[in-house]
């Protein structure tokens, strides 16, 4: 049958492409979510899909210029369609949330057409999302889509990287970021479409490209943006509300006085980003830190090779850099960091990390815990840890290429913080060098997002002066830029 269809592709001419009856059937196929991918795959294999939708023909067999992508662009697109199909059968977790969003979409064909065309601009030069949006109107006209739905498809293709990029490179708890997402999407309905498209796209790139922490970030960004669109504001728990929520779930053995004190000492950002359940765990860690006089207390939890590490200690200059260096020297790849400081000087720092592919260390999480305590306790320096690891892995391929080093300092991305973006070749100790350089320049790091694609690191830091406030002095900014650029290049100017 596939061969017979292939042999008769000459019959698919402009008259058929513009035939309303054919368009109706094609849109029904797209809307048959749960079984759309196998049908579209057969269409692709027979040559029909690329003949009927010429824009799809341009991406058939196209190899993407991205080390994370394991498939040709057309194959990735079909996997993305299949990801939406699977949502029909999801019954728990974020999958169930996406299932319910899918059920409530007024026009599922808009989502499916956007998924089918989201990478249609690849291979055309320039930004593929913008190039793809250019070819969409011709296709929506061919399919007879009403103008309002056609505009939605154009918007989705043009912005299909928006949520993933923000979740990967920005602080998703920053109100300005959420306001930007709300302003761009314009409505809760369009945010729903965009969230499902983003999920389908990034979860279908290849093995290992969609760890649990990325899924959690994307879902959290969607949820908070949706609240902002629905209510017009972020819900920041007041100290009284946070304290009461904490006291309601306080287990035996944790003093109420300590919980009440904790609620009064943590910054407002902590109340927004940390659940009362997590805060109870922090009270236990703080009790151990103070009660036993330890230099630091570390707690970690993992799932499928990725997880989070909480470090509780007393504040001092360079803490974030020391912790980051200790984790990096433990053969863990850091993906993000958030620092909270209580008014009494106790820090609660969270690091999101993952075990890199091919790691030989049996227990990197336990190793990280030991290294953090040893470094913060003054038993060993980060430099010594790094030297040991370099010696252990001497001769191991770094996977490095001489990618360009680009550093930018932005005061527009956030209302409260100066945002430092660094893109450079990855190497052992890079994150430690960058964080130490920022701290040596007299600045505090409040949030970091760390991403490594192939041999290139893309690191983002939200910083302020040590006393608070953005960095606005031009001379200070220029020195910071020069020092970070030097550190990113390994101190080689």
Protein backbone atom coordinates (compact mmCIF):
# COMPACT_ATOMS: atom_id res chain seq x y z
CA UNK A 1 0.00 0.00 0.00
CA UNK A 2 2.85 2.37 0.90
CA UNK A 3 4.46 1.64 -2.49
CA UNK A 4 1.18 2.21 -4.35
CA UNK A 5 0.78 5.57 -2.61
CA UNK A 6 4.37 6.47 -3.42
CA UNK A 7 3.89 5.56 -7.07
CA UNK A 8 0.86 7.87 -7.27
CA UNK A 9 2.36 10.95 -5.62
CA UNK A 10 2.22 12.75 -8.97
CA UNK A 11 -1.53 13.05 -8.35
CA UNK A 12 -0.85 15.33 -5.35
CA UNK A 13 -0.89 18.63 -7.21
CA UNK A 14 -1.89 22.20 -6.31
CA UNK A 15 -5.53 21.37 -6.94
CA UNK A 16 -5.44 18.63 -4.31
CA UNK A 17 -3.41 20.74 -1.89
CA UNK A 18 -6.07 23.45 -2.07
CA UNK A 19 -9.03 21.08 -1.98
CA UNK A 20 -11.14 21.76 1.11
CA UNK A 21 -12.17 18.10 1.43
CA UNK A 22 -8.53 16.97 1.60
CA UNK A 23 -7.82 19.70 4.16
CA UNK A 24 -10.73 18.53 6.33
CA UNK A 25 -9.41 14.96 6.33
CA UNK A 26 -5.85 16.09 7.14
CA UNK A 27 -7.05 18.26 10.05
CA UNK A 28 -9.12 15.33 11.37
CA UNK A 29 -5.99 13.17 11.32
CA UNK A 30 -4.11 15.84 13.27
CA UNK A 31 -6.97 16.05 15.77
CA UNK A 32 -7.08 12.29 16.36
CA UNK A 33 -4.74 12.69 19.33
CA UNK A 34 -3.71 9.33 20.70
CA UNK A 35 -3.10 7.85 17.26
CA UNK A 36 -1.92 10.76 15.11
CA UNK A 37 1.80 9.90 15.10
CA UNK A 38 1.53 6.44 13.44
CA UNK A 39 -0.66 7.85 10.66
CA UNK A 40 1.66 10.81 10.04
CA UNK A 41 4.67 8.49 10.12
CA UNK A 42 3.09 6.32 7.39
CA UNK A 43 2.37 9.49 5.43
CA UNK A 44 6.03 10.49 5.79
CA UNK A 45 7.33 7.03 4.85
CA UNK A 46 5.20 6.92 1.70
CA UNK A 47 6.33 10.42 0.66
CA UNK A 48 2.79 11.76 0.89
CA UNK A 49 3.31 14.11 3.86
CA UNK A 50 6.20 15.99 2.26
CA UNK A 51 4.34 16.19 -1.04
CA UNK A 52 1.10 17.45 0.49
CA UNK A 53 2.92 19.81 2.90
CA UNK A 54 6.06 20.88 0.95
CA UNK A 55 7.48 22.67 4.03
CA UNK A 56 7.78 19.26 5.70
CA UNK A 57 9.71 17.92 2.71
CA UNK A 58 12.46 20.46 3.45
CA UNK A 59 13.19 18.89 6.86
CA UNK A 60 13.07 15.22 5.82
CA UNK A 61 16.47 13.67 6.50
CA UNK A 62 17.85 17.00 7.72
CA UNK A 63 20.56 16.56 10.37
CA UNK A 64 20.34 19.30 13.02
CA UNK A 65 23.45 21.21 14.07
CA UNK A 66 23.00 20.46 17.77
CA UNK A 67 24.87 17.81 19.78
CA UNK A 68 21.81 17.03 21.93
CA UNK A 69 19.68 16.09 18.91
CA UNK A 70 19.89 12.39 18.11
CA UNK A 71 17.40 12.37 15.23
CA UNK A 72 16.87 14.01 11.90
CA UNK A 73 14.48 16.95 12.09
CA UNK A 74 11.53 15.07 10.58
CA UNK A 75 12.06 12.12 12.92
CA UNK A 76 12.24 14.47 15.93
CA UNK A 77 9.00 16.09 14.75
CA UNK A 78 7.21 12.72 14.59
CA UNK A 79 8.49 11.86 18.07
CA UNK A 80 7.11 15.21 19.29
CA UNK A 81 3.70 14.33 17.80
CA UNK A 82 3.93 10.97 19.59
CA UNK A 83 4.66 12.79 22.88
CA UNK A 84 1.32 14.60 22.55
CA UNK A 85 -0.37 11.29 21.65
CA UNK A 86 0.89 9.75 24.91
CA UNK A 87 -0.68 12.50 27.01
CA UNK A 88 -4.05 10.91 26.33
CA UNK A 89 -3.00 7.98 28.53
CA UNK A 90 -1.22 9.87 31.35
CA UNK A 91 -2.74 9.30 34.80
CA UNK A 92 -0.43 10.91 37.39
CA UNK A 93 2.10 13.65 38.13
CA UNK A 94 2.84 16.41 35.65
CA UNK A 95 1.71 14.00 32.92
CA UNK A 96 -1.83 14.08 34.33
CA UNK A 97 -1.69 17.89 34.46
CA UNK A 98 -0.72 17.98 30.78
CA UNK A 99 -3.46 15.44 30.01
CA UNK A 100 -6.06 17.76 31.57
CA UNK A 101 -4.67 20.81 29.73
CA UNK A 102 -4.90 18.85 26.47
CA UNK A 103 -8.50 17.86 27.18
CA UNK A 104 -9.47 21.50 27.72
CA UNK A 105 -7.88 22.88 24.53
CA UNK A 106 -10.61 24.43 22.36
CA UNK A 107 -8.79 23.59 19.10
CA UNK A 108 -6.38 20.63 19.41
CA UNK A 109 -5.64 20.86 15.69
CA UNK A 110 -3.88 24.19 16.37
CA UNK A 111 -1.48 22.48 18.78
CA UNK A 112 -0.84 19.51 16.48
CA UNK A 113 -0.25 21.67 13.42
CA UNK A 114 2.17 23.81 15.45
CA UNK A 115 4.04 20.68 16.59
CA UNK A 116 4.19 19.42 13.00
CA UNK A 117 5.60 22.74 11.75
CA UNK A 118 7.62 23.98 14.73
CA UNK A 119 10.97 23.14 13.08
CA UNK A 120 9.93 23.82 9.49
CA UNK A 121 12.35 26.76 9.40
CA UNK A 122 15.44 24.64 10.01
CA UNK A 123 17.90 24.47 7.15
CA UNK A 124 16.74 27.84 5.83
CA UNK A 125 19.35 29.98 7.63
CA UNK A 126 18.76 32.49 10.41
CA UNK A 127 16.64 31.79 13.48
CA UNK A 128 14.61 28.69 12.66
CA UNK A 129 11.60 29.72 14.79
CA UNK A 130 11.26 32.99 12.87
CA UNK A 131 11.92 31.33 9.50
CA UNK A 132 9.36 28.67 10.32
CA UNK A 133 6.72 31.25 11.18
CA UNK A 134 7.16 32.75 7.70
CA UNK A 135 6.08 29.54 5.93
CA UNK A 136 3.12 28.84 8.24
CA UNK A 137 0.56 31.27 6.70
CA UNK A 138 0.75 29.53 3.32
CA UNK A 139 0.03 26.17 4.97
CA UNK A 140 -2.82 27.43 7.17
CA UNK A 141 -4.36 29.01 4.07
CA UNK A 142 -3.97 25.70 2.20
CA UNK A 143 -5.78 23.93 5.05
CA UNK A 144 -8.52 26.55 5.23
CA UNK A 145 -7.83 27.40 8.86
CA UNK A 146 -9.80 30.44 10.13
CA UNK A 147 -7.68 33.57 10.46
CA UNK A 148 -7.75 33.62 14.28
CA UNK A 149 -6.52 30.00 14.48
CA UNK A 150 -3.93 30.62 11.77
CA UNK A 151 -2.50 33.48 13.85
CA UNK A 152 -2.27 31.15 16.84
CA UNK A 153 -0.25 28.59 14.85
CA UNK A 154 2.10 31.35 13.63
CA UNK A 155 2.56 32.57 17.21
CA UNK A 156 3.29 29.07 18.52
CA UNK A 157 5.88 28.27 15.86
CA UNK A 158 7.51 31.67 16.27
CA UNK A 159 7.72 31.32 20.07
CA UNK A 160 8.16 27.57 20.54
CA UNK A 161 11.58 28.09 22.21
CA UNK A 162 10.35 30.75 24.65
CA UNK A 163 9.41 28.67 27.72
CA UNK A 164 12.28 26.20 27.41
CA UNK A 165 14.84 29.01 27.02
CA UNK A 166 13.51 30.93 30.03
CA UNK A 167 13.32 27.80 32.20
CA UNK A 168 16.89 26.90 31.21
CA UNK A 169 18.53 30.33 31.50
CA UNK A 170 16.48 32.54 33.83
CA UNK A 171 15.13 32.68 37.38
CA UNK A 172 11.57 31.45 37.01
CA UNK A 173 10.63 32.97 40.37
CA UNK A 174 11.52 36.49 39.22
CA UNK A 175 8.28 38.44 38.88
CA UNK A 176 9.59 40.38 35.88
CA UNK A 177 10.31 37.13 34.02
CA UNK A 178 6.79 35.86 34.76
CA UNK A 179 5.31 39.19 33.70
CA UNK A 180 7.27 38.97 30.43
CA UNK A 181 5.89 35.47 29.77
CA UNK A 182 2.36 36.66 30.56
CA UNK A 183 2.74 39.69 28.29
CA UNK A 184 4.12 37.67 25.37
CA UNK A 185 1.54 34.87 25.56
CA UNK A 186 -1.32 37.27 26.28
CA UNK A 187 -3.78 34.69 27.59
CA UNK A 188 -3.99 31.52 29.65
CA UNK A 189 -5.22 29.66 26.57
CA UNK A 190 -2.14 30.52 24.51
CA UNK A 191 0.11 29.65 27.46
CA UNK A 192 -1.57 26.21 27.57
CA UNK A 193 -0.84 25.63 23.88
CA UNK A 194 2.74 26.85 24.24
CA UNK A 195 3.43 24.70 27.31
CA UNK A 196 2.34 21.50 25.58
CA UNK A 197 4.30 22.40 22.44
CA UNK A 198 7.41 23.11 24.53
CA UNK A 199 7.05 19.82 26.38
CA UNK A 200 6.62 17.84 23.15
CA UNK A 201 9.61 19.56 21.55
CA UNK A 202 12.21 19.30 24.32
CA UNK A 203 11.19 15.81 25.48
CA UNK A 204 11.70 14.38 21.99
CA UNK A 205 15.27 15.48 21.31
CA UNK A 206 17.03 12.30 22.42
CA UNK A 207 18.01 10.12 25.36
CA UNK A 208 19.23 12.10 28.34
CA UNK A 209 18.08 15.47 27.01
CA UNK A 210 14.96 15.56 29.22
CA UNK A 211 15.92 14.86 32.86
CA UNK A 212 13.40 15.20 35.66
CA UNK A 213 14.77 18.58 36.78
CA UNK A 214 14.15 20.12 33.35
CA UNK A 215 10.58 18.81 33.34
CA UNK A 216 10.06 20.28 36.83
CA UNK A 217 11.45 23.68 35.78
CA UNK A 218 9.27 23.91 32.68
CA UNK A 219 6.19 22.85 34.64
CA UNK A 220 6.92 25.34 37.42
CA UNK A 221 7.38 28.18 34.93
CA UNK A 222 4.06 27.29 33.29
CA UNK A 223 2.23 27.04 36.63
CA UNK A 224 3.47 30.37 37.97
CA UNK A 225 2.87 32.17 34.68
CA UNK A 226 -0.67 30.72 34.57
CA UNK A 227 -1.39 32.03 38.07
CA UNK A 228 -0.12 35.45 37.05
CA UNK A 229 -2.33 35.46 33.93
CA UNK A 230 -5.37 34.32 35.92
CA UNK A 231 -4.95 36.49 39.01
CA UNK A 232 -2.79 39.36 37.77
CA UNK A 233 -0.20 38.97 40.54
CA UNK A 234 2.21 36.54 42.18
CA UNK A 235 1.12 34.92 45.43
CA UNK A 236 3.92 35.64 47.90
CA UNK A 237 2.97 34.17 51.29
CA UNK A 238 3.07 36.71 54.08
CA UNK A 239 5.28 35.90 57.06
CA UNK A 240 2.17 35.15 59.15
CA UNK A 241 0.72 32.77 56.54
CA UNK A 242 4.04 30.99 56.05
CA UNK A 243 4.51 30.63 59.80
CA UNK A 244 1.03 29.16 60.28
CA UNK A 245 1.50 26.71 57.39
CA UNK A 246 4.80 25.65 58.94
CA UNK A 247 3.33 25.19 62.40
CA UNK A 248 0.41 23.16 61.03
CA UNK A 249 2.73 20.40 59.78
CA UNK A 250 5.44 20.61 62.45
CA UNK A 251 6.49 17.09 63.45
CA UNK A 252 7.39 15.93 66.93
CA UNK A 253 10.89 16.89 67.98
CA UNK A 254 10.93 20.29 66.23
CA UNK A 255 10.36 23.20 68.59
CA UNK A 256 7.59 25.67 67.70
CA UNK A 257 9.86 28.50 68.82
CA UNK A 258 12.45 27.50 66.22
CA UNK A 259 9.80 27.34 63.49
CA UNK A 260 8.45 30.78 64.41
CA UNK A 261 11.96 32.21 64.48
CA UNK A 262 12.75 30.65 61.09
CA UNK A 263 9.65 32.21 59.50
CA UNK A 264 10.69 35.62 60.77
CA UNK A 265 14.33 35.36 59.64
CA UNK A 266 14.07 33.98 56.09
CA UNK A 267 13.82 36.41 53.14
CA UNK A 268 10.51 36.89 51.31
CA UNK A 269 11.97 35.04 48.32
CA UNK A 270 12.34 31.92 50.50
CA UNK A 271 8.65 32.02 51.47
CA UNK A 272 7.73 32.16 47.79
CA UNK A 273 10.03 29.42 46.53
CA UNK A 274 10.25 26.94 49.42
CA UNK A 275 7.32 24.80 50.55
CA UNK A 276 6.49 24.43 54.26
CA UNK A 277 7.39 20.74 53.94
CA UNK A 278 10.89 21.65 52.71
CA UNK A 279 11.18 24.26 55.44
CA UNK A 280 10.53 21.60 58.10
CA UNK A 281 13.52 19.68 56.71
CA UNK A 282 15.59 22.85 56.91
CA UNK A 283 14.67 23.31 60.58
CA UNK A 284 16.08 19.86 61.31
CA UNK A 285 19.29 20.68 59.40
CA UNK A 286 19.66 24.00 61.23
CA UNK A 287 19.10 22.25 64.56
CA UNK A 288 21.90 19.83 63.74
CA UNK A 289 24.20 22.63 62.55
CA UNK A 290 23.74 24.71 65.71
CA UNK A 291 23.33 21.87 68.18
CA UNK A 292 26.44 19.96 67.12
CA UNK A 293 28.54 22.96 66.11
CA UNK A 294 29.22 21.59 62.63
CA UNK A 295 30.77 23.66 59.79
CA UNK A 296 27.95 22.57 57.45
CA UNK A 297 25.07 20.14 57.17
CA UNK A 298 24.21 18.65 53.78
CA UNK A 299 21.06 16.88 52.61
CA UNK A 300 20.39 15.53 49.13
CA UNK A 301 17.75 13.58 47.25
CA UNK A 302 17.96 12.09 43.77
CA UNK A 303 15.76 10.66 41.06
CA UNK A 304 16.90 9.11 37.78
CA UNK A 305 20.45 10.45 38.05
CA UNK A 306 19.54 14.04 38.93
CA UNK A 307 18.61 15.67 42.20
CA UNK A 308 19.03 18.54 44.61
CA UNK A 309 21.59 19.26 47.34
CA UNK A 310 20.74 21.54 50.27
CA UNK A 311 23.67 23.02 52.21
CA UNK A 312 23.14 24.73 55.58
CA UNK A 313 26.05 26.68 57.04
CA UNK A 314 27.05 30.06 58.45
CA UNK A 315 27.53 32.81 55.89
CA UNK A 316 30.95 34.07 54.88
CA UNK A 317 32.39 35.53 51.66
CA UNK A 318 32.95 32.91 48.98
CA UNK A 319 30.56 30.27 50.37
CA UNK A 320 28.70 29.77 47.09
CA UNK A 321 31.95 29.37 45.15
CA UNK A 322 33.30 26.88 47.70
CA UNK A 323 30.15 24.77 47.58
CA UNK A 324 29.98 24.90 43.77
CA UNK A 325 33.61 23.88 43.51
CA UNK A 326 33.14 21.02 45.98
CA UNK A 327 30.21 19.64 44.01
CA UNK A 328 31.97 20.01 40.65
CA UNK A 329 35.02 18.19 42.03
CA UNK A 330 32.72 15.31 43.01
CA UNK A 331 31.92 14.44 39.39
CA UNK A 332 28.47 16.05 39.46
CA UNK A 333 27.25 18.52 36.86
CA UNK A 334 25.55 21.54 38.46
CA UNK A 335 22.44 22.77 36.68
CA UNK A 336 21.30 25.51 39.02
CA UNK A 337 21.85 27.20 42.35
CA UNK A 338 19.74 29.36 44.65
CA UNK A 339 21.08 31.05 47.78
CA UNK A 340 19.02 32.12 50.79
CA UNK A 341 20.50 33.91 53.81
CA UNK A 342 18.64 34.28 57.09
CA UNK A 343 19.03 37.54 58.95
CA UNK A 344 21.06 35.73 61.64
CA UNK A 345 23.71 34.70 59.06
CA UNK A 346 22.63 31.10 58.46
CA UNK A 347 22.67 30.26 54.74
CA UNK A 348 20.44 27.74 52.99
CA UNK A 349 21.79 27.06 49.52
CA UNK A 350 20.16 24.74 47.02
CA UNK A 351 22.08 23.19 44.12
CA UNK A 352 20.42 21.22 41.34
CA UNK A 353 22.84 18.67 39.91
CA UNK A 354 23.04 15.54 37.77
CA UNK A 355 25.40 12.64 37.21
CA UNK A 356 27.04 13.22 33.80
CA UNK A 357 26.80 10.49 31.19
CA UNK A 358 29.75 8.14 31.44
CA UNK A 359 30.59 9.08 35.04
CA UNK A 360 32.70 6.38 36.73
CA UNK A 361 32.13 7.49 40.32
CA UNK A 362 30.02 5.00 42.28
CA UNK A 363 28.60 7.46 44.83
CA UNK A 364 29.02 11.07 43.63
CA UNK A 365 26.26 12.37 45.93
CA UNK A 366 27.94 10.98 49.06
CA UNK A 367 31.28 12.26 47.75
CA UNK A 368 29.80 15.73 47.25
CA UNK A 369 28.46 15.76 50.80
CA UNK A 370 31.87 14.79 52.24
CA UNK A 371 33.68 17.34 50.07
CA UNK A 372 31.35 20.19 51.01
CA UNK A 373 31.72 19.54 54.74
CA UNK A 374 35.51 19.16 54.40
CA UNK A 375 35.91 22.42 52.42
CA UNK A 376 33.59 24.49 54.61
CA UNK A 377 35.27 23.01 57.68
CA UNK A 378 38.71 24.10 56.43
CA UNK A 379 40.07 20.55 56.11
CA UNK A 380 40.85 20.94 52.41
CA UNK A 381 40.63 23.67 49.76
CA UNK A 382 38.62 23.56 46.57
CA UNK A 383 41.88 23.95 44.63
CA UNK A 384 43.20 20.73 46.21
CA UNK A 385 39.99 18.88 45.34
CA UNK A 386 40.21 20.09 41.76
CA UNK A 387 43.86 19.05 41.52
CA UNK A 388 42.98 15.56 42.77
CA UNK A 389 40.22 15.19 40.22
CA UNK A 390 42.42 16.43 37.38
CA UNK A 391 45.03 13.88 38.39
CA UNK A 392 42.45 11.09 38.60
CA UNK A 393 41.02 11.85 35.18
CA UNK A 394 44.26 12.86 33.48
CA UNK A 395 44.08 11.98 29.82
CA UNK A 396 40.29 11.74 29.78
CA UNK A 397 38.78 13.51 26.80
CA UNK A 398 37.19 16.80 27.72
CA UNK A 399 35.10 16.85 24.57
CA UNK A 400 36.29 20.40 24.18
CA UNK A 401 36.20 22.57 21.13
CA UNK A 402 37.37 26.14 20.85
CA UNK A 403 33.95 27.76 21.04
CA UNK A 404 33.80 31.51 21.45
CA UNK A 405 33.69 33.12 24.90
CA UNK A 406 30.83 35.61 25.21
CA UNK A 407 30.04 37.53 28.41
CA UNK A 408 27.18 40.00 28.81
CA UNK A 409 25.94 41.99 31.81
CA UNK A 410 22.26 42.99 31.73
CA UNK A 411 20.28 45.26 34.06
CA UNK A 412 17.03 44.97 32.11
CA UNK A 413 16.29 41.26 32.52
CA UNK A 414 15.39 41.59 36.22
CA UNK A 415 13.95 44.33 38.40
CA UNK A 416 16.11 43.40 41.41
CA UNK A 417 19.26 41.79 40.07
CA UNK A 418 22.03 42.32 37.55
CA UNK A 419 22.10 39.30 35.23
CA UNK A 420 25.47 38.00 34.05
CA UNK A 421 25.41 35.63 31.04
CA UNK A 422 28.50 33.60 30.20
CA UNK A 423 28.94 31.28 27.21
CA UNK A 424 32.33 29.61 26.83
CA UNK A 425 34.10 26.26 26.40
CA UNK A 426 33.36 23.95 29.32
CA UNK A 427 36.16 22.61 31.51
CA UNK A 428 36.76 21.22 34.98
CA UNK A 429 36.64 24.01 37.56
CA UNK A 430 34.93 26.53 35.28
CA UNK A 431 31.96 27.13 37.58
CA UNK A 432 34.22 27.55 40.60
CA UNK A 433 36.35 30.09 38.72
CA UNK A 434 33.31 32.07 37.60
CA UNK A 435 31.58 32.15 40.99
CA UNK A 436 34.82 33.01 42.80
CA UNK A 437 35.46 35.87 40.34
CA UNK A 438 32.00 37.33 40.95
CA UNK A 439 32.44 37.09 44.72
CA UNK A 440 35.99 38.55 44.63
CA UNK A 441 34.46 41.56 42.85
CA UNK A 442 32.35 42.18 45.98
CA UNK A 443 29.07 40.78 44.70
CA UNK A 444 26.57 38.25 46.00
CA UNK A 445 25.12 35.47 43.85
CA UNK A 446 21.41 34.96 44.54
CA UNK A 447 20.61 32.55 41.74
CA UNK A 448 22.45 30.66 39.02
CA UNK A 449 21.39 28.48 36.10
CA UNK A 450 24.11 26.27 34.65
CA UNK A 451 23.75 24.55 31.26
CA UNK A 452 26.26 22.54 29.27
CA UNK A 453 25.52 21.52 25.68
CA UNK A 454 28.27 19.44 24.16
CA UNK A 455 31.50 21.25 25.02
CA UNK A 456 29.90 24.67 25.59
CA UNK A 457 28.84 25.99 28.98
CA UNK A 458 26.06 28.57 29.17
CA UNK A 459 25.96 29.94 32.71
CA UNK A 460 23.69 32.65 34.10
CA UNK A 461 24.15 34.45 37.43
CA UNK A 462 21.75 36.82 39.21
CA UNK A 463 23.93 39.11 41.29
CA UNK A 464 23.81 42.23 43.49
CA UNK A 465 26.28 44.33 45.43
CA UNK A 466 27.20 42.69 48.72
CA UNK A 467 24.95 45.22 50.43
CA UNK A 468 22.12 44.71 47.93
CA UNK A 469 21.09 46.45 44.74
CA UNK A 470 22.03 46.17 41.08
CA UNK A 471 25.49 46.92 39.72
CA UNK A 472 25.10 50.21 37.86
CA UNK A 473 28.53 51.85 38.03
CA UNK A 474 30.03 51.59 34.54
CA UNK A 475 33.62 51.17 35.77
CA UNK A 476 32.58 48.37 38.15
CA UNK A 477 30.63 46.67 35.37
CA UNK A 478 33.55 46.92 32.96
CA UNK A 479 35.96 45.42 35.50
CA UNK A 480 33.48 42.62 36.26
CA UNK A 481 33.13 41.90 32.54
CA UNK A 482 36.89 41.79 32.03
CA UNK A 483 37.49 39.57 35.09
CA UNK A 484 34.73 37.10 34.17
CA UNK A 485 35.94 36.94 30.56
CA UNK A 486 39.45 36.18 31.81
CA UNK A 487 38.13 33.52 34.21
CA UNK A 488 36.00 31.93 31.46
CA UNK A 489 39.14 31.64 29.31
CA UNK A 490 41.00 29.94 32.12
CA UNK A 491 42.89 33.05 33.19
CA UNK A 492 44.53 33.40 29.77
CA UNK A 493 43.27 36.92 29.02
